[in-house]
Amino acid sequence: MIKASISELKAGLSEYINRAAYGKERIIIMSRGKPKAVMIDIETLERLETLEAEQSFLRGWQEAQSGDTLPLDELWTDVDAA
């Protein structure tokens, strides 16, 4: 992983984007010596989003299996009230 300050990113934005996109490098964006964000390639972002969706599905499935769910008519009542 590479650390770069905001001023370094401003000076070499194209280079850092290419390093993330094509070199698959993760760039930690620093502000006042503290990490604030990360620049990653789009494929990594898509994998992270897929993992988040799968985890959300699994949590929902586990809740459904444990019986901690609302009957469908109650759910629609809650949705209509909102």
N, C-alpha and C. Protein backbone atom coordinates (compact mmCIF):
# COMPACT_ATOMS: atom_id res chain seq x y z
N MET A 1 0.84 -1.18 0.00
CA MET A 1 0.00 0.00 0.00
C MET A 1 0.89 1.24 0.00
N ILE A 2 0.39 2.24 -0.66
CA ILE A 2 1.10 3.50 -0.78
C ILE A 2 0.35 4.54 0.04
N LYS A 3 1.08 5.41 0.69
CA LYS A 3 0.47 6.53 1.38
C LYS A 3 0.82 7.79 0.61
N ALA A 4 -0.19 8.64 0.41
CA ALA A 4 0.04 9.90 -0.31
C ALA A 4 -0.80 10.99 0.34
N SER A 5 -0.19 12.15 0.49
CA SER A 5 -0.95 13.29 1.03
C SER A 5 -1.84 13.86 -0.07
N ILE A 6 -2.78 14.66 0.33
CA ILE A 6 -3.67 15.29 -0.64
C ILE A 6 -2.88 16.16 -1.61
N SER A 7 -1.88 16.86 -1.13
CA SER A 7 -1.08 17.70 -2.03
C SER A 7 -0.30 16.84 -3.02
N GLU A 8 0.19 15.67 -2.59
CA GLU A 8 0.87 14.76 -3.51
C GLU A 8 -0.10 14.25 -4.58
N LEU A 9 -1.33 13.95 -4.15
CA LEU A 9 -2.33 13.49 -5.11
C LEU A 9 -2.67 14.57 -6.13
N LYS A 10 -2.79 15.79 -5.66
CA LYS A 10 -3.08 16.90 -6.58
C LYS A 10 -2.00 17.04 -7.63
N ALA A 11 -0.75 16.90 -7.20
CA ALA A 11 0.38 17.08 -8.11
C ALA A 11 0.51 15.93 -9.11
N GLY A 12 0.08 14.73 -8.72
CA GLY A 12 0.26 13.58 -9.60
C GLY A 12 -0.97 12.72 -9.72
N LEU A 13 -2.14 13.34 -9.81
CA LEU A 13 -3.40 12.61 -9.79
C LEU A 13 -3.45 11.52 -10.86
N SER A 14 -3.07 11.85 -12.07
CA SER A 14 -3.12 10.87 -13.16
C SER A 14 -2.25 9.66 -12.85
N GLU A 15 -1.07 9.90 -12.32
CA GLU A 15 -0.16 8.80 -11.97
C GLU A 15 -0.78 7.91 -10.90
N TYR A 16 -1.36 8.51 -9.86
CA TYR A 16 -1.95 7.72 -8.79
C TYR A 16 -3.16 6.93 -9.28
N ILE A 17 -3.96 7.54 -10.12
CA ILE A 17 -5.12 6.82 -10.68
C ILE A 17 -4.64 5.61 -11.47
N ASN A 18 -3.62 5.79 -12.30
CA ASN A 18 -3.11 4.68 -13.09
C ASN A 18 -2.50 3.59 -12.21
N ARG A 19 -1.82 3.98 -11.15
CA ARG A 19 -1.26 2.99 -10.24
C ARG A 19 -2.35 2.17 -9.58
N ALA A 20 -3.45 2.83 -9.23
CA ALA A 20 -4.57 2.10 -8.63
C ALA A 20 -5.29 1.25 -9.68
N ALA A 21 -5.58 1.83 -10.83
CA ALA A 21 -6.37 1.15 -11.85
C ALA A 21 -5.61 0.01 -12.52
N TYR A 22 -4.39 0.24 -12.90
CA TYR A 22 -3.66 -0.75 -13.68
C TYR A 22 -2.64 -1.53 -12.85
N GLY A 23 -2.07 -0.90 -11.85
CA GLY A 23 -1.10 -1.57 -11.00
C GLY A 23 -1.73 -2.28 -9.82
N LYS A 24 -3.04 -2.10 -9.66
CA LYS A 24 -3.79 -2.71 -8.55
C LYS A 24 -3.23 -2.31 -7.19
N GLU A 25 -2.62 -1.12 -7.13
CA GLU A 25 -2.09 -0.63 -5.86
C GLU A 25 -3.20 0.07 -5.09
N ARG A 26 -3.16 -0.09 -3.79
CA ARG A 26 -4.11 0.61 -2.92
C ARG A 26 -3.40 1.83 -2.36
N ILE A 27 -4.02 2.97 -2.53
CA ILE A 27 -3.39 4.22 -2.13
C ILE A 27 -4.17 4.82 -0.97
N ILE A 28 -3.50 4.94 0.16
CA ILE A 28 -4.11 5.55 1.34
C ILE A 28 -3.92 7.06 1.22
N ILE A 29 -5.01 7.79 1.25
CA ILE A 29 -4.96 9.24 1.14
C ILE A 29 -4.89 9.81 2.54
N MET A 30 -3.82 10.55 2.78
CA MET A 30 -3.54 11.09 4.10
C MET A 30 -3.88 12.58 4.15
N SER A 31 -4.37 13.00 5.30
CA SER A 31 -4.63 14.42 5.53
C SER A 31 -4.15 14.75 6.94
N ARG A 32 -3.21 15.65 7.01
CA ARG A 32 -2.61 16.04 8.29
C ARG A 32 -2.05 14.83 9.04
N GLY A 33 -1.45 13.93 8.27
CA GLY A 33 -0.81 12.76 8.85
C GLY A 33 -1.73 11.62 9.22
N LYS A 34 -3.02 11.76 8.93
CA LYS A 34 -3.98 10.72 9.28
C LYS A 34 -4.64 10.17 8.02
N PRO A 35 -4.89 8.86 7.99
CA PRO A 35 -5.57 8.27 6.82
C PRO A 35 -7.02 8.74 6.75
N LYS A 36 -7.43 9.19 5.55
CA LYS A 36 -8.80 9.70 5.37
C LYS A 36 -9.62 8.88 4.38
N ALA A 37 -8.95 8.31 3.38
CA ALA A 37 -9.67 7.57 2.35
C ALA A 37 -8.69 6.64 1.65
N VAL A 38 -9.23 5.80 0.77
CA VAL A 38 -8.38 4.88 0.01
C VAL A 38 -8.80 4.94 -1.45
N MET A 39 -7.82 4.92 -2.32
CA MET A 39 -8.08 4.84 -3.76
C MET A 39 -7.78 3.40 -4.19
N ILE A 40 -8.78 2.76 -4.81
CA ILE A 40 -8.63 1.38 -5.26
C ILE A 40 -9.11 1.26 -6.70
N ASP A 41 -8.79 0.15 -7.34
CA ASP A 41 -9.25 -0.07 -8.71
C ASP A 41 -10.72 -0.50 -8.69
N ILE A 42 -11.37 -0.36 -9.82
CA ILE A 42 -12.81 -0.63 -9.91
C ILE A 42 -13.14 -2.10 -9.67
N GLU A 43 -12.27 -3.01 -10.09
CA GLU A 43 -12.54 -4.43 -9.86
C GLU A 43 -12.58 -4.75 -8.37
N THR A 44 -11.68 -4.15 -7.60
CA THR A 44 -11.68 -4.36 -6.15
C THR A 44 -12.95 -3.81 -5.53
N LEU A 45 -13.38 -2.63 -5.98
CA LEU A 45 -14.63 -2.06 -5.49
C LEU A 45 -15.79 -2.99 -5.78
N GLU A 46 -15.85 -3.53 -6.99
CA GLU A 46 -16.95 -4.43 -7.35
C GLU A 46 -16.94 -5.69 -6.49
N ARG A 47 -15.74 -6.22 -6.20
CA ARG A 47 -15.65 -7.40 -5.32
C ARG A 47 -16.12 -7.06 -3.92
N LEU A 48 -15.73 -5.90 -3.40
CA LEU A 48 -16.19 -5.48 -2.07
C LEU A 48 -17.70 -5.33 -2.03
N GLU A 49 -18.28 -4.72 -3.06
CA GLU A 49 -19.73 -4.56 -3.10
C GLU A 49 -20.44 -5.90 -3.17
N THR A 50 -19.89 -6.85 -3.91
CA THR A 50 -20.46 -8.19 -3.99
C THR A 50 -20.41 -8.87 -2.63
N LEU A 51 -19.27 -8.75 -1.95
CA LEU A 51 -19.14 -9.34 -0.61
C LEU A 51 -20.13 -8.72 0.36
N GLU A 52 -20.30 -7.41 0.30
CA GLU A 52 -21.28 -6.74 1.18
C GLU A 52 -22.68 -7.25 0.91
N ALA A 53 -23.04 -7.39 -0.36
CA ALA A 53 -24.37 -7.88 -0.71
C ALA A 53 -24.57 -9.31 -0.23
N GLU A 54 -23.54 -10.15 -0.39
CA GLU A 54 -23.64 -11.54 0.07
C GLU A 54 -23.79 -11.60 1.58
N GLN A 55 -23.03 -10.78 2.30
CA GLN A 55 -23.14 -10.77 3.76
C GLN A 55 -24.52 -10.30 4.20
N SER A 56 -25.05 -9.30 3.53
CA SER A 56 -26.38 -8.81 3.86
C SER A 56 -27.42 -9.91 3.62
N PHE A 57 -27.30 -10.61 2.51
CA PHE A 57 -28.22 -11.70 2.21
C PHE A 57 -28.12 -12.78 3.29
N LEU A 58 -26.89 -13.14 3.66
CA LEU A 58 -26.71 -14.18 4.68
C LEU A 58 -27.29 -13.77 6.02
N ARG A 59 -27.11 -12.49 6.39
CA ARG A 59 -27.71 -12.02 7.65
C ARG A 59 -29.23 -12.13 7.59
N GLY A 60 -29.81 -11.73 6.47
CA GLY A 60 -31.25 -11.84 6.31
C GLY A 60 -31.72 -13.28 6.37
N TRP A 61 -30.97 -14.16 5.73
CA TRP A 61 -31.31 -15.58 5.73
C TRP A 61 -31.25 -16.14 7.15
N GLN A 62 -30.20 -15.77 7.90
CA GLN A 62 -30.06 -16.25 9.28
C GLN A 62 -31.19 -15.72 10.15
N GLU A 63 -31.58 -14.47 9.95
CA GLU A 63 -32.70 -13.92 10.72
C GLU A 63 -33.99 -14.65 10.39
N ALA A 64 -34.19 -14.95 9.11
CA ALA A 64 -35.40 -15.66 8.70
C ALA A 64 -35.43 -17.06 9.31
N GLN A 65 -34.28 -17.72 9.35
CA GLN A 65 -34.21 -19.06 9.93
C GLN A 65 -34.43 -19.05 11.44
N SER A 66 -34.06 -17.96 12.09
CA SER A 66 -34.20 -17.89 13.55
C SER A 66 -35.62 -17.50 13.96
N GLY A 67 -36.43 -17.12 13.00
CA GLY A 67 -37.80 -16.74 13.32
C GLY A 67 -37.97 -15.28 13.69
N ASP A 68 -36.91 -14.49 13.58
CA ASP A 68 -36.97 -13.07 13.93
C ASP A 68 -37.45 -12.25 12.75
N THR A 69 -38.60 -12.60 12.22
CA THR A 69 -39.13 -11.88 11.05
C THR A 69 -40.57 -11.47 11.32
N LEU A 70 -41.02 -10.54 10.52
CA LEU A 70 -42.42 -10.11 10.59
C LEU A 70 -43.24 -10.88 9.56
N PRO A 71 -44.47 -11.20 9.88
CA PRO A 71 -45.34 -11.75 8.85
C PRO A 71 -45.50 -10.73 7.73
N LEU A 72 -45.72 -11.19 6.51
CA LEU A 72 -45.77 -10.31 5.35
C LEU A 72 -46.82 -9.22 5.50
N ASP A 73 -47.99 -9.52 6.04
CA ASP A 73 -49.02 -8.49 6.17
C ASP A 73 -48.60 -7.39 7.15
N GLU A 74 -47.86 -7.75 8.21
CA GLU A 74 -47.35 -6.73 9.13
C GLU A 74 -46.28 -5.88 8.46
N LEU A 75 -45.45 -6.52 7.65
CA LEU A 75 -44.40 -5.78 6.94
C LEU A 75 -45.04 -4.73 6.03
N TRP A 76 -46.06 -5.12 5.27
CA TRP A 76 -46.71 -4.16 4.36
C TRP A 76 -47.39 -3.05 5.14
N THR A 77 -47.94 -3.38 6.31
CA THR A 77 -48.55 -2.35 7.16
C THR A 77 -47.50 -1.34 7.58
N ASP A 78 -46.32 -1.84 7.99
CA ASP A 78 -45.22 -0.96 8.37
C ASP A 78 -44.75 -0.11 7.19
N VAL A 79 -44.68 -0.72 6.02
CA VAL A 79 -44.23 0.01 4.82
C VAL A 79 -45.25 1.09 4.46
N ASP A 80 -46.52 0.75 4.51
CA ASP A 80 -47.57 1.73 4.18
C ASP A 80 -47.56 2.89 5.18
N ALA A 81 -47.29 2.59 6.45
CA ALA A 81 -47.27 3.64 7.46
C ALA A 81 -46.11 4.60 7.26
N ALA A 82 -45.04 4.10 6.71
CA ALA A 82 -43.86 4.95 6.48
C ALA A 82 -44.14 5.83 5.29
